[in-house]
Protein backbone atom coordinates (compact mmCIF):
# COMPACT_ATOMS: atom_id res chain seq x y z
CA MET A 1 -22.84 -15.43 28.60
CA THR A 2 -23.49 -12.10 30.36
CA LYS A 3 -26.71 -10.41 29.25
CA TYR A 4 -27.61 -6.77 29.90
CA ALA A 5 -30.93 -4.92 29.78
CA LEU A 6 -31.56 -1.20 30.08
CA ILE A 7 -35.04 -0.15 31.25
CA THR A 8 -35.89 3.53 31.35
CA GLY A 9 -38.24 4.22 34.23
CA GLY A 10 -37.28 0.81 35.55
CA THR A 11 -37.46 1.30 39.31
CA LYS A 12 -41.24 1.62 39.79
CA GLY A 13 -44.52 0.37 38.34
CA ILE A 14 -44.43 -1.50 35.04
CA GLY A 15 -40.68 -0.99 34.65
CA LYS A 16 -39.96 -2.56 38.03
CA SER A 17 -42.10 -5.61 37.25
CA VAL A 18 -40.29 -6.09 33.94
CA ALA A 19 -36.94 -5.70 35.72
CA GLN A 20 -37.91 -8.42 38.20
CA ARG A 21 -38.81 -10.76 35.33
CA LEU A 22 -35.57 -10.09 33.49
CA GLY A 23 -33.53 -10.40 36.67
CA LYS A 24 -34.98 -13.88 37.21
CA MET A 25 -33.96 -14.68 33.63
CA GLY A 26 -30.36 -13.76 34.47
CA TYR A 27 -30.15 -10.30 32.89
CA HIS A 28 -27.93 -7.71 34.54
CA LEU A 29 -29.91 -4.50 34.76
CA LEU A 30 -29.41 -0.78 34.25
CA LEU A 31 -32.52 1.04 35.50
CA THR A 32 -33.06 4.75 35.01
CA TYR A 33 -35.22 6.91 37.25
CA ARG A 34 -36.16 10.56 37.46
CA THR A 35 -36.05 11.78 41.07
CA ASP A 36 -36.71 9.15 43.75
CA THR A 37 -33.17 8.01 44.56
CA VAL A 38 -34.18 6.13 47.72
CA ALA A 39 -36.78 4.01 45.91
CA ALA A 40 -34.38 3.39 43.01
CA ARG A 41 -31.62 2.15 45.29
CA HIS A 42 -34.08 -0.02 47.20
CA THR A 43 -35.38 -1.62 43.98
CA CYS A 44 -31.87 -2.40 42.78
CA ALA A 45 -30.87 -3.85 46.16
CA GLU A 46 -33.95 -6.11 46.05
CA LEU A 47 -33.04 -7.29 42.56
CA ARG A 48 -29.46 -8.04 43.54
CA ASP A 49 -30.59 -10.02 46.60
CA GLU A 50 -33.46 -11.91 44.94
CA CYS A 51 -32.07 -12.53 41.45
CA HIS A 52 -28.30 -12.55 42.10
CA VAL A 53 -27.65 -10.18 39.19
CA GLU A 54 -26.07 -6.76 38.91
CA ALA A 55 -28.61 -3.94 39.11
CA PHE A 56 -27.57 -0.30 38.74
CA PRO A 57 -29.84 2.69 39.39
CA LEU A 58 -29.06 5.66 37.13
CA GLN A 59 -30.69 9.06 37.52
CA ALA A 60 -31.68 10.22 34.04
CA ASP A 61 -34.72 12.43 33.42
CA SER A 62 -36.35 11.57 30.09
CA SER A 63 -37.54 15.17 29.73
CA ASP A 64 -33.91 16.39 29.69
CA ILE A 65 -31.83 15.91 26.54
CA HIS A 66 -28.63 15.76 28.63
CA ALA A 67 -29.88 12.47 30.10
CA ILE A 68 -28.96 10.82 26.80
CA ASP A 69 -25.31 11.70 27.45
CA THR A 70 -25.62 10.50 31.05
CA ILE A 71 -26.85 7.05 29.98
CA ALA A 72 -24.41 6.67 27.09
CA ARG A 73 -21.46 7.74 29.24
CA HIS A 74 -22.37 5.28 31.99
CA MET A 75 -22.56 2.44 29.48
CA GLU A 76 -19.23 3.36 27.88
CA GLU A 77 -17.44 3.70 31.23
CA ASN A 78 -18.75 0.31 32.36
CA ALA A 79 -18.32 -1.43 28.98
CA ILE A 80 -22.02 -2.36 28.86
CA VAL A 81 -23.38 -3.80 25.62
CA LEU A 82 -27.13 -4.38 25.63
CA ASP A 83 -29.21 -7.35 24.61
CA VAL A 84 -32.48 -5.68 25.59
CA LEU A 85 -33.50 -2.01 25.58
CA ILE A 86 -36.89 -1.10 27.03
CA PHE A 87 -38.28 2.43 26.74
CA ASN A 88 -40.73 2.56 29.62
CA ALA A 89 -40.30 6.06 31.08
CA GLY A 90 -43.06 8.42 30.09
CA MET A 91 -44.80 11.66 30.96
CA THR A 92 -48.29 13.09 30.79
CA CYS A 93 -50.07 16.42 31.14
CA ARG A 94 -53.68 16.51 32.28
CA ASP A 95 -54.46 20.16 31.60
CA ARG A 96 -57.71 20.92 29.80
CA PHE A 97 -57.31 21.55 26.08
CA ASP A 98 -58.32 25.21 26.44
CA GLU A 99 -55.74 25.70 29.23
CA MET A 100 -52.86 23.69 27.81
CA LYS A 101 -49.50 25.45 27.42
CA TYR A 102 -47.07 24.83 24.58
CA ASP A 103 -44.16 24.12 26.94
CA ASP A 104 -46.11 21.34 28.68
CA TRP A 105 -47.21 19.86 25.35
CA ALA A 106 -43.62 19.94 24.07
CA ARG A 107 -42.27 18.40 27.29
CA VAL A 108 -44.57 15.37 26.94
CA PHE A 109 -43.57 14.96 23.29
CA PHE A 110 -39.89 15.13 24.18
CA ALA A 111 -40.14 12.57 26.98
CA ASN A 112 -42.37 10.10 25.14
CA VAL A 113 -41.14 10.37 21.55
CA HIS A 114 -37.98 12.44 21.02
CA PHE A 115 -35.97 11.13 23.99
CA PRO A 116 -36.31 7.40 23.16
CA THR A 117 -35.71 8.07 19.46
CA PHE A 118 -32.41 9.85 19.99
CA LEU A 119 -31.29 7.63 22.87
CA LEU A 120 -31.80 4.64 20.58
CA GLN A 121 -29.81 6.40 17.86
CA ARG A 122 -26.99 7.05 20.34
CA LEU A 123 -26.93 3.47 21.65
CA LEU A 124 -27.15 1.58 18.34
CA GLY A 125 -23.48 0.64 18.50
CA ASN A 126 -23.97 -0.71 22.03
CA ILE A 127 -26.72 -3.23 21.23
CA ASN A 128 -25.79 -6.79 20.32
CA LYS A 129 -26.98 -8.37 17.06
CA GLY A 130 -30.22 -10.19 17.76
CA GLY A 131 -31.10 -7.55 20.34
CA SER A 132 -34.63 -6.56 21.26
CA VAL A 133 -36.00 -3.03 21.65
CA ILE A 134 -39.40 -2.65 23.30
CA PHE A 135 -41.45 0.51 23.80
CA THR A 136 -44.23 0.93 26.33
CA GLY A 137 -47.10 2.28 24.29
CA SER A 138 -50.65 2.60 25.58
CA LEU A 139 -54.24 1.70 24.89
CA MET A 140 -54.74 5.48 25.03
CA GLY A 141 -52.73 5.74 21.82
CA ILE A 142 -55.39 3.60 20.12
CA LEU A 143 -58.68 4.66 21.72
CA PRO A 144 -59.72 8.32 22.13
CA HIS A 145 -58.49 9.69 25.43
CA ALA A 146 -60.47 12.45 27.16
CA THR A 147 -58.03 13.03 30.02
CA SER A 148 -54.68 13.86 28.40
CA LEU A 149 -54.52 14.89 24.77
CA SER A 150 -50.73 15.00 24.73
CA TYR A 151 -50.41 11.52 26.24
CA GLY A 152 -52.79 9.90 23.75
CA VAL A 153 -51.19 11.60 20.76
CA THR A 154 -47.62 10.81 21.85
CA LYS A 155 -48.43 7.16 22.50
CA ALA A 156 -50.00 6.91 19.04
CA SER A 157 -46.73 8.37 17.79
CA VAL A 158 -44.80 5.71 19.69
CA HIS A 159 -46.81 3.01 17.94
CA ALA A 160 -46.07 4.58 14.55
CA LEU A 161 -42.41 4.94 15.51
CA VAL A 162 -42.18 1.20 16.23
CA LYS A 163 -43.69 0.32 12.86
CA ASN A 164 -41.31 2.64 11.03
CA LEU A 165 -38.20 1.66 12.97
CA VAL A 166 -38.42 -1.95 11.78
CA LYS A 167 -36.79 -1.15 8.44
CA PHE A 168 -34.17 1.12 10.00
CA LEU A 169 -33.11 -1.46 12.61
CA SER A 170 -33.21 -4.47 10.32
CA PRO A 171 -29.63 -3.88 9.01
CA TYR A 172 -28.43 -4.05 12.63
CA ASP A 173 -30.31 -7.33 13.25
CA ILE A 174 -32.33 -5.66 16.01
CA ARG A 175 -36.07 -6.24 16.49
CA VAL A 176 -38.45 -3.57 17.77
CA ASN A 177 -41.92 -3.99 19.25
CA ALA A 178 -44.25 -2.30 21.72
CA VAL A 179 -46.64 -3.26 24.50
CA ALA A 180 -49.82 -1.18 24.72
CA PRO A 181 -51.24 -1.69 28.22
CA GLY A 182 -54.72 -0.77 29.27
CA PHE A 183 -55.27 -0.25 32.99
CA VAL A 184 -52.50 -1.77 35.12
CA ASP A 185 -52.51 -2.01 38.92
CA THR A 186 -49.48 0.19 39.51
CA GLU A 187 -49.17 2.67 42.38
CA TRP A 188 -50.70 5.42 40.25
CA GLN A 189 -53.80 3.41 39.35
CA LYS A 190 -54.29 2.14 42.90
CA ASN A 191 -54.73 5.74 44.04
CA LYS A 192 -57.73 6.30 41.80
CA PRO A 193 -61.03 6.85 43.66
CA ALA A 194 -63.00 3.62 44.13
CA GLU A 195 -65.93 4.80 41.99
CA ILE A 196 -63.62 5.56 39.05
CA ARG A 197 -61.96 2.15 39.35
CA ARG A 198 -65.36 0.44 39.39
CA SER A 199 -66.41 2.39 36.29
CA ILE A 200 -63.25 1.30 34.45
CA GLU A 201 -63.59 -2.32 35.57
CA SER A 202 -67.18 -2.40 34.29
CA LYS A 203 -65.80 -1.76 30.79
CA ILE A 204 -63.18 -4.54 30.93
CA ALA A 205 -64.24 -8.05 29.89
CA SER A 206 -61.85 -9.53 32.45
CA GLY A 207 -63.53 -7.40 35.13
CA ARG A 208 -60.29 -6.17 36.69
CA PHE A 209 -57.10 -4.18 36.20
CA CYS A 210 -54.02 -5.99 34.86
CA ASN A 211 -51.48 -7.32 37.35
CA PRO A 212 -48.04 -5.79 36.58
CA ASP A 213 -46.44 -9.25 36.57
CA GLU A 214 -48.94 -10.40 33.91
CA LEU A 215 -47.91 -7.45 31.77
CA ALA A 216 -44.21 -8.15 32.34
CA GLY A 217 -44.76 -11.57 30.81
CA ILE A 218 -45.60 -9.91 27.49
CA TYR A 219 -42.28 -8.08 27.47
CA THR A 220 -40.41 -11.34 28.05
CA LEU A 221 -42.44 -12.97 25.26
CA LEU A 222 -41.29 -10.24 22.87
CA ILE A 223 -37.69 -10.77 23.96
CA GLU A 224 -37.73 -14.54 23.66
CA ASN A 225 -39.75 -14.94 20.46
CA THR A 226 -37.29 -13.85 17.79
CA TYR A 227 -39.87 -13.79 14.98
CA ILE A 228 -42.08 -11.06 16.44
CA ASN A 229 -41.05 -7.74 14.92
CA GLY A 230 -42.86 -4.43 14.43
CA GLU A 231 -45.86 -5.43 16.53
CA ILE A 232 -47.96 -3.47 19.01
CA ILE A 233 -49.26 -5.99 21.55
CA ILE A 234 -52.43 -4.70 23.21
CA ALA A 235 -53.03 -5.89 26.78
CA ASP A 236 -56.32 -4.39 27.91
CA GLY A 237 -58.31 -7.37 29.24
CA GLY A 238 -61.00 -6.76 26.63
CA TYR A 239 -61.59 -3.05 27.35
CA SER A 240 -64.81 -1.47 26.05
CA TYR A 241 -66.33 -4.86 25.31
CA LYS A 242 -69.73 -3.64 26.56
């Protein structure tokens, strides 16, 4: 039976690693991206070659409400019904609290909370019974975050959203969970200065950043285990154990 998964922000970083896992499991993939068309096409070509599945890149900016129509229209035109929906795309703002602008704060809230909420609402009729919805939360939504207030608050909102959505999705026989990563060795983290990485690693019991493929395994666990529902799975390697 043909299985489809939609991953927002699925062409780079965590989203790409999850896409590779799902491709190996036989899922056909619809991967959204914001601006880097070349990288998105390259990722999808790799997935088609390596996993022998369909992989479509779709430009859809999660900070733009019109992207909801773009995604829904593409699915309708291609008769795609989902088995898995992963909200991975996100946004941050690193301005100091005393310099933060309302528009930037609102943009992060829209991308991280409002966009997935209303995209899910729009796609409810295009998700099979027994389907799985997974949000990418964050350790920063659990522990105080001194770098981006908007990111920490919106990820805490994502965790609350997952807990509350359980009852709303239950009549549709759809489960919803989240993964809350700590520090993952994506392109963004690899560009951190060495001294900052060493400081972070000193606070992690495992002594290292998470490998993206290790994290992807948690997403597949949440898809395959049909009893897990309404959970926030923290994957931080034992952060702040000292």
